PDB file of N, CA and C in Angstrom:
ATOM      1  N   MET A   1      -1.166  -3.568  20.814  1.00  0.00           N
ATOM      2  CA  MET A   1      -0.915  -2.462  19.937  1.00  0.00           C
ATOM      3  C   MET A   1      -0.364  -2.867  18.539  1.00  0.00           C
ATOM      4  N   LEU A   2      -0.818  -2.450  17.502  1.00  0.00           N
ATOM      5  CA  LEU A   2      -0.375  -2.756  16.181  1.00  0.00           C
ATOM      6  C   LEU A   2       0.791  -1.773  15.955  1.00  0.00           C
ATOM      7  N   ASP A   3       1.730  -2.489  15.201  1.00  0.00           N
ATOM      8  CA  ASP A   3       2.859  -1.514  14.769  1.00  0.00           C
ATOM      9  C   ASP A   3       2.413  -0.884  13.399  1.00  0.00           C
ATOM     10  N   VAL A   4       2.911   0.372  13.182  1.00  0.00           N
ATOM     11  CA  VAL A   4       2.643   0.990  11.868  1.00  0.00           C
ATOM     12  C   VAL A   4       3.951   1.386  11.371  1.00  0.00           C
ATOM     13  N   VAL A   5       4.187   1.052  10.082  1.00  0.00           N
ATOM     14  CA  VAL A   5       5.420   1.409   9.402  1.00  0.00           C
ATOM     15  C   VAL A   5       5.235   2.290   8.246  1.00  0.00           C
ATOM     16  N   HIS A   6       6.221   3.122   7.897  1.00  0.00           N
ATOM     17  CA  HIS A   6       6.306   3.759   6.561  1.00  0.00           C
ATOM     18  C   HIS A   6       6.656   2.861   5.460  1.00  0.00           C
ATOM     19  N   ALA A   7       6.065   3.030   4.388  1.00  0.00           N
ATOM     20  CA  ALA A   7       6.367   2.264   3.141  1.00  0.00           C
ATOM     21  C   ALA A   7       6.198   3.126   1.883  1.00  0.00           C
ATOM     22  N   ALA A   8       7.067   2.849   0.872  1.00  0.00           N
ATOM     23  CA  ALA A   8       6.983   3.555  -0.350  1.00  0.00           C
ATOM     24  C   ALA A   8       6.425   2.747  -1.380  1.00  0.00           C
ATOM     25  N   VAL A   9       5.533   3.215  -2.296  1.00  0.00           N
ATOM     26  CA  VAL A   9       5.107   2.623  -3.498  1.00  0.00           C
ATOM     27  C   VAL A   9       5.166   3.636  -4.633  1.00  0.00           C
ATOM     28  N   THR A  10       5.028   3.159  -5.846  1.00  0.00           N
ATOM     29  CA  THR A  10       4.984   3.955  -7.054  1.00  0.00           C
ATOM     30  C   THR A  10       3.445   3.958  -7.509  1.00  0.00           C
ATOM     31  N   CYS A  11       2.931   5.191  -7.643  1.00  0.00           N
ATOM     32  CA  CYS A  11       1.550   5.148  -8.141  1.00  0.00           C
ATOM     33  C   CYS A  11       1.547   4.586  -9.513  1.00  0.00           C
ATOM     34  N   PRO A  12       0.557   3.709  -9.806  1.00  0.00           N
ATOM     35  CA  PRO A  12       0.372   3.111 -11.070  1.00  0.00           C
ATOM     36  C   PRO A  12      -0.179   3.999 -12.211  1.00  0.00           C
ATOM     37  N   TYR A  13      -0.734   5.264 -11.702  1.00  0.00           N
ATOM     38  CA  TYR A  13      -1.239   6.087 -12.675  1.00  0.00           C
ATOM     39  C   TYR A  13      -0.208   7.252 -13.077  1.00  0.00           C
ATOM     40  N   CYS A  14       0.416   7.878 -12.024  1.00  0.00           N
ATOM     41  CA  CYS A  14       1.258   8.992 -12.437  1.00  0.00           C
ATOM     42  C   CYS A  14       2.649   8.769 -12.367  1.00  0.00           C
ATOM     43  N   GLY A  15       3.046   7.582 -11.703  1.00  0.00           N
ATOM     44  CA  GLY A  15       4.432   7.061 -11.614  1.00  0.00           C
ATOM     45  C   GLY A  15       5.250   7.698 -10.480  1.00  0.00           C
ATOM     46  N   GLU A  16       4.538   8.517  -9.640  1.00  0.00           N
ATOM     47  CA  GLU A  16       5.272   9.321  -8.590  1.00  0.00           C
ATOM     48  C   GLU A  16       5.431   8.333  -7.335  1.00  0.00           C
ATOM     49  N   GLY A  17       6.433   8.514  -6.671  1.00  0.00           N
ATOM     50  CA  GLY A  17       6.626   7.810  -5.326  1.00  0.00           C
ATOM     51  C   GLY A  17       5.719   8.286  -4.349  1.00  0.00           C
ATOM     52  N   VAL A  18       5.050   7.339  -3.567  1.00  0.00           N
ATOM     53  CA  VAL A  18       3.982   7.964  -2.523  1.00  0.00           C
ATOM     54  C   VAL A  18       4.427   6.929  -1.328  1.00  0.00           C
ATOM     55  N   GLU A  19       4.345   7.739  -0.196  1.00  0.00           N
ATOM     56  CA  GLU A  19       4.672   7.176   1.133  1.00  0.00           C
ATOM     57  C   GLU A  19       3.362   6.779   1.876  1.00  0.00           C
ATOM     58  N   LEU A  20       3.246   5.608   2.305  1.00  0.00           N
ATOM     59  CA  LEU A  20       2.094   5.078   2.954  1.00  0.00           C
ATOM     60  C   LEU A  20       2.394   4.817   4.494  1.00  0.00           C
ATOM     61  N   LEU A  21       1.445   4.906   5.292  1.00  0.00           N
ATOM     62  CA  LEU A  21       1.531   4.334   6.673  1.00  0.00           C
ATOM     63  C   LEU A  21       0.775   2.925   6.555  1.00  0.00           C
ATOM     64  N   VAL A  22       1.451   1.849   6.981  1.00  0.00           N
ATOM     65  CA  VAL A  22       0.944   0.547   6.899  1.00  0.00           C
ATOM     66  C   VAL A  22       0.805  -0.077   8.206  1.00  0.00           C
ATOM     67  N   ASP A  23      -0.420  -0.583   8.637  1.00  0.00           N
ATOM     68  CA  ASP A  23      -0.574  -1.393   9.755  1.00  0.00           C
ATOM     69  C   ASP A  23      -0.020  -2.781   9.566  1.00  0.00           C
ATOM     70  N   CYS A  24       0.470  -3.456  10.520  1.00  0.00           N
ATOM     71  CA  CYS A  24       1.197  -4.733  10.357  1.00  0.00           C
ATOM     72  C   CYS A  24       0.561  -5.928  11.062  1.00  0.00           C
ATOM     73  N   PRO A  25      -0.844  -6.129  10.886  1.00  0.00           N
ATOM     74  CA  PRO A  25      -1.244  -7.419  11.407  1.00  0.00           C
ATOM     75  C   PRO A  25      -0.813  -8.531  10.419  1.00  0.00           C
ATOM     76  N   GLU A  26      -0.697  -9.743  10.897  1.00  0.00           N
ATOM     77  CA  GLU A  26      -0.136 -10.840  10.059  1.00  0.00           C
ATOM     78  C   GLU A  26      -1.169 -11.098   8.947  1.00  0.00           C
ATOM     79  N   GLY A  27      -0.615 -11.511   7.741  1.00  0.00           N
ATOM     80  CA  GLY A  27      -1.484 -11.958   6.662  1.00  0.00           C
ATOM     81  C   GLY A  27      -1.384 -11.119   5.499  1.00  0.00           C
ATOM     82  N   ARG A  28      -2.362 -11.291   4.661  1.00  0.00           N
ATOM     83  CA  ARG A  28      -2.497 -10.502   3.377  1.00  0.00           C
ATOM     84  C   ARG A  28      -3.686  -9.551   3.534  1.00  0.00           C
ATOM     85  N   HIS A  29      -3.447  -8.242   3.110  1.00  0.00           N
ATOM     86  CA  HIS A  29      -4.502  -7.216   3.221  1.00  0.00           C
ATOM     87  C   HIS A  29      -4.535  -6.468   2.054  1.00  0.00           C
ATOM     88  N   GLU A  30      -5.824  -6.010   1.653  1.00  0.00           N
ATOM     89  CA  GLU A  30      -5.965  -5.145   0.387  1.00  0.00           C
ATOM     90  C   GLU A  30      -6.899  -4.068   0.983  1.00  0.00           C
ATOM     91  N   TYR A  31      -6.508  -2.858   0.273  1.00  0.00           N
ATOM     92  CA  TYR A  31      -7.376  -1.663   0.595  1.00  0.00           C
ATOM     93  C   TYR A  31      -7.107  -0.685  -0.542  1.00  0.00           C
ATOM     94  N   VAL A  32      -8.029   0.341  -0.654  1.00  0.00           N
ATOM     95  CA  VAL A  32      -7.803   1.389  -1.674  1.00  0.00           C
ATOM     96  C   VAL A  32      -7.327   2.645  -0.900  1.00  0.00           C
ATOM     97  N   GLU A  33      -6.418   3.349  -1.507  1.00  0.00           N
ATOM     98  CA  GLU A  33      -6.013   4.611  -1.132  1.00  0.00           C
ATOM     99  C   GLU A  33      -5.669   5.540  -2.185  1.00  0.00           C
ATOM    100  N   ASP A  34      -6.133   6.865  -2.187  1.00  0.00           N
ATOM    101  CA  ASP A  34      -5.891   7.740  -3.172  1.00  0.00           C
ATOM    102  C   ASP A  34      -4.451   8.165  -3.155  1.00  0.00           C
ATOM    103  N   CYS A  35      -3.886   8.322  -4.381  1.00  0.00           N
ATOM    104  CA  CYS A  35      -2.525   8.712  -4.480  1.00  0.00           C
ATOM    105  C   CYS A  35      -2.383  10.255  -4.029  1.00  0.00           C
ATOM    106  N   GLN A  36      -1.389  10.606  -3.387  1.00  0.00           N
ATOM    107  CA  GLN A  36      -1.224  11.871  -2.778  1.00  0.00           C
ATOM    108  C   GLN A  36      -0.810  12.879  -3.773  1.00  0.00           C
ATOM    109  N   VAL A  37      -0.472  12.406  -4.948  1.00  0.00           N
ATOM    110  CA  VAL A  37      -0.029  13.326  -5.964  1.00  0.00           C
ATOM    111  C   VAL A  37      -1.114  13.670  -7.039  1.00  0.00           C
ATOM    112  N   CYS A  38      -1.728  12.530  -7.580  1.00  0.00           N
ATOM    113  CA  CYS A  38      -2.645  12.716  -8.587  1.00  0.00           C
ATOM    114  C   CYS A  38      -4.213  12.474  -8.148  1.00  0.00           C
ATOM    115  N   CYS A  39      -4.317  11.911  -6.899  1.00  0.00           N
ATOM    116  CA  CYS A  39      -5.533  11.639  -6.343  1.00  0.00           C
ATOM    117  C   CYS A  39      -6.468  10.615  -6.881  1.00  0.00           C
ATOM    118  N   ARG A  40      -5.713   9.733  -7.774  1.00  0.00           N
ATOM    119  CA  ARG A  40      -6.457   8.541  -8.238  1.00  0.00           C
ATOM    120  C   ARG A  40      -6.467   7.345  -7.279  1.00  0.00           C
ATOM    121  N   PRO A  41      -7.427   6.535  -7.268  1.00  0.00           N
ATOM    122  CA  PRO A  41      -7.510   5.445  -6.306  1.00  0.00           C
ATOM    123  C   PRO A  41      -6.558   4.345  -6.629  1.00  0.00           C
ATOM    124  N   MET A  42      -5.594   3.978  -5.718  1.00  0.00           N
ATOM    125  CA  MET A  42      -4.701   2.935  -6.008  1.00  0.00           C
ATOM    126  C   MET A  42      -5.221   1.651  -5.151  1.00  0.00           C
ATOM    127  N   ALA A  43      -5.115   0.518  -5.637  1.00  0.00           N
ATOM    128  CA  ALA A  43      -5.409  -0.773  -4.924  1.00  0.00           C
ATOM    129  C   ALA A  43      -4.094  -1.072  -4.275  1.00  0.00           C
ATOM    130  N   ILE A  44      -4.065  -1.112  -3.025  1.00  0.00           N
ATOM    131  CA  ILE A  44      -2.798  -1.455  -2.106  1.00  0.00           C
ATOM    132  C   ILE A  44      -2.931  -2.863  -1.721  1.00  0.00           C
ATOM    133  N   GLU A  45      -1.894  -3.670  -1.827  1.00  0.00           N
ATOM    134  CA  GLU A  45      -1.816  -5.006  -1.258  1.00  0.00           C
ATOM    135  C   GLU A  45      -0.651  -5.078  -0.419  1.00  0.00           C
ATOM    136  N   VAL A  46      -0.881  -5.578   0.822  1.00  0.00           N
ATOM    137  CA  VAL A  46       0.196  -5.743   1.851  1.00  0.00           C
ATOM    138  C   VAL A  46       0.283  -7.059   2.319  1.00  0.00           C
ATOM    139  N   VAL A  47       1.387  -7.705   2.328  1.00  0.00           N
ATOM    140  CA  VAL A  47       1.526  -9.073   2.879  1.00  0.00           C
ATOM    141  C   VAL A  47       2.501  -8.875   4.061  1.00  0.00           C
ATOM    142  N   VAL A  48       2.129  -9.319   5.318  1.00  0.00           N
ATOM    143  CA  VAL A  48       2.892  -9.169   6.505  1.00  0.00           C
ATOM    144  C   VAL A  48       3.193 -10.562   7.090  1.00  0.00           C
ATOM    145  N   GLU A  49       4.520 -10.688   7.379  1.00  0.00           N
ATOM    146  CA  GLU A  49       5.040 -11.844   8.055  1.00  0.00           C
ATOM    147  C   GLU A  49       5.881 -11.481   9.228  1.00  0.00           C
ATOM    148  N   LEU A  50       5.715 -12.117  10.373  1.00  0.00           N
ATOM    149  CA  LEU A  50       6.439 -11.904  11.488  1.00  0.00           C
ATOM    150  C   LEU A  50       6.394 -10.322  11.914  1.00  0.00           C
ATOM    151  N   GLY A  51       5.301  -9.729  11.725  1.00  0.00           N
ATOM    152  CA  GLY A  51       5.079  -8.415  12.114  1.00  0.00           C
ATOM    153  C   GLY A  51       5.669  -7.323  11.272  1.00  0.00           C
ATOM    154  N   ARG A  52       6.121  -7.737  10.032  1.00  0.00           N
ATOM    155  CA  ARG A  52       6.823  -6.774   9.184  1.00  0.00           C
ATOM    156  C   ARG A  52       6.247  -6.975   7.677  1.00  0.00           C
ATOM    157  N   PRO A  53       6.089  -5.945   6.980  1.00  0.00           N
ATOM    158  CA  PRO A  53       5.627  -6.090   5.574  1.00  0.00           C
ATOM    159  C   PRO A  53       6.709  -6.711   4.711  1.00  0.00           C
ATOM    160  N   VAL A  54       6.433  -7.781   4.007  1.00  0.00           N
ATOM    161  CA  VAL A  54       7.309  -8.492   3.180  1.00  0.00           C
ATOM    162  C   VAL A  54       7.087  -8.101   1.695  1.00  0.00           C
ATOM    163  N   ARG A  55       5.847  -7.713   1.401  1.00  0.00           N
ATOM    164  CA  ARG A  55       5.514  -7.233   0.183  1.00  0.00           C
ATOM    165  C   ARG A  55       4.403  -6.153   0.190  1.00  0.00           C
ATOM    166  N   ILE A  56       4.572  -4.976  -0.557  1.00  0.00           N
ATOM    167  CA  ILE A  56       3.646  -3.889  -0.555  1.00  0.00           C
ATOM    168  C   ILE A  56       3.519  -3.493  -2.031  1.00  0.00           C
ATOM    169  N   SER A  57       2.403  -3.637  -2.626  1.00  0.00           N
ATOM    170  CA  SER A  57       2.247  -3.266  -4.061  1.00  0.00           C
ATOM    171  C   SER A  57       1.057  -2.346  -4.259  1.00  0.00           C
ATOM    172  N   ALA A  58       1.098  -1.529  -5.369  1.00  0.00           N
ATOM    173  CA  ALA A  58      -0.004  -0.697  -5.714  1.00  0.00           C
ATOM    174  C   ALA A  58      -0.349  -1.027  -7.124  1.00  0.00           C
ATOM    175  N   SER A  59      -1.647  -1.080  -7.453  1.00  0.00           N
ATOM    176  CA  SER A  59      -2.034  -1.235  -8.797  1.00  0.00           C
ATOM    177  C   SER A  59      -3.306  -0.431  -9.127  1.00  0.00           C
ATOM    178  N   HIS A  60      -3.660  -0.341 -10.411  1.00  0.00           N
ATOM    179  CA  HIS A  60      -4.860   0.360 -10.725  1.00  0.00           C
ATOM    180  C   HIS A  60      -6.059  -0.226  -9.981  1.00  0.00           C
ATOM    181  N   GLU A  61      -6.941   0.513  -9.457  1.00  0.00           N
ATOM    182  CA  GLU A  61      -8.166   0.054  -8.714  1.00  0.00           C
ATOM    183  C   GLU A  61      -8.885  -0.959  -9.443  1.00  0.00           C
ATOM    184  N   ASP A  62      -9.002  -0.733 -10.793  1.00  0.00           N
ATOM    185  CA  ASP A  62      -9.773  -1.654 -11.582  1.00  0.00           C
ATOM    186  C   ASP A  62      -9.053  -3.027 -11.797  1.00  0.00           C
ATOM    187  N   ASP A  63      -7.804  -3.134 -11.547  1.00  0.00           N
ATOM    188  CA  ASP A  63      -7.073  -4.386 -11.598  1.00  0.00           C
ATOM    189  C   ASP A  63      -7.443  -5.459 -10.623  1.00  0.00           C
ATOM    190  N   VAL A  64      -8.140  -4.936  -9.509  1.00  0.00           N
ATOM    191  CA  VAL A  64      -8.366  -5.829  -8.352  1.00  0.00           C
ATOM    192  C   VAL A  64      -9.553  -6.743  -8.636  1.00  0.00           C
TER     193      VAL A  64
END
């Protein structure tokens, strides 16, 4: 069973804080998720080590 944690990022479009649910398999993962405030697509990058996210970032979808 994978752990899922809550994480907060800042939307690169509207600047609002957004809470995400993040799966925690080891390694580096990228996916696209719409901002809950402005609905624009954010490119999310998650790096997980020892079952915990060590870096979570959001950027413009076009930056990936």
